[in-house]
Amino acid sequence: ELIGSLYNELRTSDEPIVSNKDYVALLSS
């Protein structure tokens, strides 16, 4: 998934841009 890949890149970066809460909200929107 494009969103999943993007999230994984952001999450594994030194300074995560999105939090788990933001990601869950994105998936449920």
N, C-alpha and C. Protein backbone atom coordinates (compact mmCIF):
# COMPACT_ATOMS: atom_id res chain seq x y z
N GLU A 1 0.84 -1.20 0.00
CA GLU A 1 0.00 0.00 0.00
C GLU A 1 0.87 1.24 0.00
N LEU A 2 0.47 2.22 -0.76
CA LEU A 2 1.24 3.45 -0.83
C LEU A 2 1.24 4.16 0.52
N ILE A 3 0.07 4.26 1.14
CA ILE A 3 -0.02 4.94 2.44
C ILE A 3 0.79 4.18 3.48
N GLY A 4 0.72 2.87 3.46
CA GLY A 4 1.46 2.06 4.42
C GLY A 4 2.96 2.26 4.26
N SER A 5 3.42 2.29 3.00
CA SER A 5 4.84 2.48 2.76
C SER A 5 5.28 3.86 3.21
N LEU A 6 4.46 4.85 2.92
CA LEU A 6 4.78 6.22 3.32
C LEU A 6 4.83 6.32 4.83
N TYR A 7 3.87 5.71 5.49
CA TYR A 7 3.82 5.74 6.96
C TYR A 7 5.06 5.06 7.54
N ASN A 8 5.44 3.92 6.95
CA ASN A 8 6.61 3.21 7.47
C ASN A 8 7.86 4.06 7.33
N GLU A 9 8.01 4.78 6.22
CA GLU A 9 9.17 5.64 6.03
C GLU A 9 9.19 6.76 7.06
N LEU A 10 8.02 7.36 7.30
CA LEU A 10 7.95 8.46 8.25
C LEU A 10 8.19 7.95 9.67
N ARG A 11 7.62 6.80 9.99
CA ARG A 11 7.71 6.26 11.35
C ARG A 11 9.14 5.86 11.69
N THR A 12 9.87 5.37 10.70
CA THR A 12 11.22 4.87 10.97
C THR A 12 12.27 5.96 10.83
N SER A 13 11.86 7.17 10.46
CA SER A 13 12.82 8.27 10.35
C SER A 13 13.24 8.73 11.74
N ASP A 14 14.32 9.49 11.81
CA ASP A 14 14.83 9.95 13.11
C ASP A 14 13.81 10.83 13.81
N GLU A 15 13.08 11.61 13.02
CA GLU A 15 12.05 12.48 13.60
C GLU A 15 10.71 12.17 12.95
N PRO A 16 9.96 11.25 13.52
CA PRO A 16 8.67 10.85 12.93
C PRO A 16 7.77 12.05 12.71
N ILE A 17 7.13 12.09 11.54
CA ILE A 17 6.26 13.21 11.19
C ILE A 17 4.83 12.92 11.62
N VAL A 18 4.45 11.67 11.54
CA VAL A 18 3.09 11.30 11.93
C VAL A 18 3.12 10.39 13.14
N SER A 19 2.18 10.57 14.03
CA SER A 19 2.09 9.71 15.21
C SER A 19 1.14 8.57 14.91
N ASN A 20 1.13 7.56 15.78
CA ASN A 20 0.21 6.44 15.59
C ASN A 20 -1.23 6.91 15.57
N LYS A 21 -1.55 7.87 16.44
CA LYS A 21 -2.92 8.38 16.52
C LYS A 21 -3.32 9.04 15.20
N ASP A 22 -2.39 9.82 14.63
CA ASP A 22 -2.68 10.49 13.36
C ASP A 22 -2.89 9.45 12.25
N TYR A 23 -2.08 8.39 12.28
CA TYR A 23 -2.17 7.36 11.25
C TYR A 23 -3.50 6.62 11.34
N VAL A 24 -3.91 6.28 12.56
CA VAL A 24 -5.19 5.59 12.77
C VAL A 24 -6.33 6.48 12.29
N ALA A 25 -6.25 7.77 12.60
CA ALA A 25 -7.29 8.70 12.15
C ALA A 25 -7.34 8.75 10.63
N LEU A 26 -6.17 8.68 10.00
CA LEU A 26 -6.11 8.71 8.54
C LEU A 26 -6.77 7.46 7.96
N LEU A 27 -6.50 6.32 8.58
CA LEU A 27 -7.08 5.07 8.08
C LEU A 27 -8.58 5.03 8.28
N SER A 28 -9.06 5.65 9.36
CA SER A 28 -10.50 5.58 9.62
C SER A 28 -11.31 6.67 8.93
N SER A 29 -10.61 7.59 8.28
CA SER A 29 -11.33 8.69 7.62
C SER A 29 -12.05 8.20 6.37
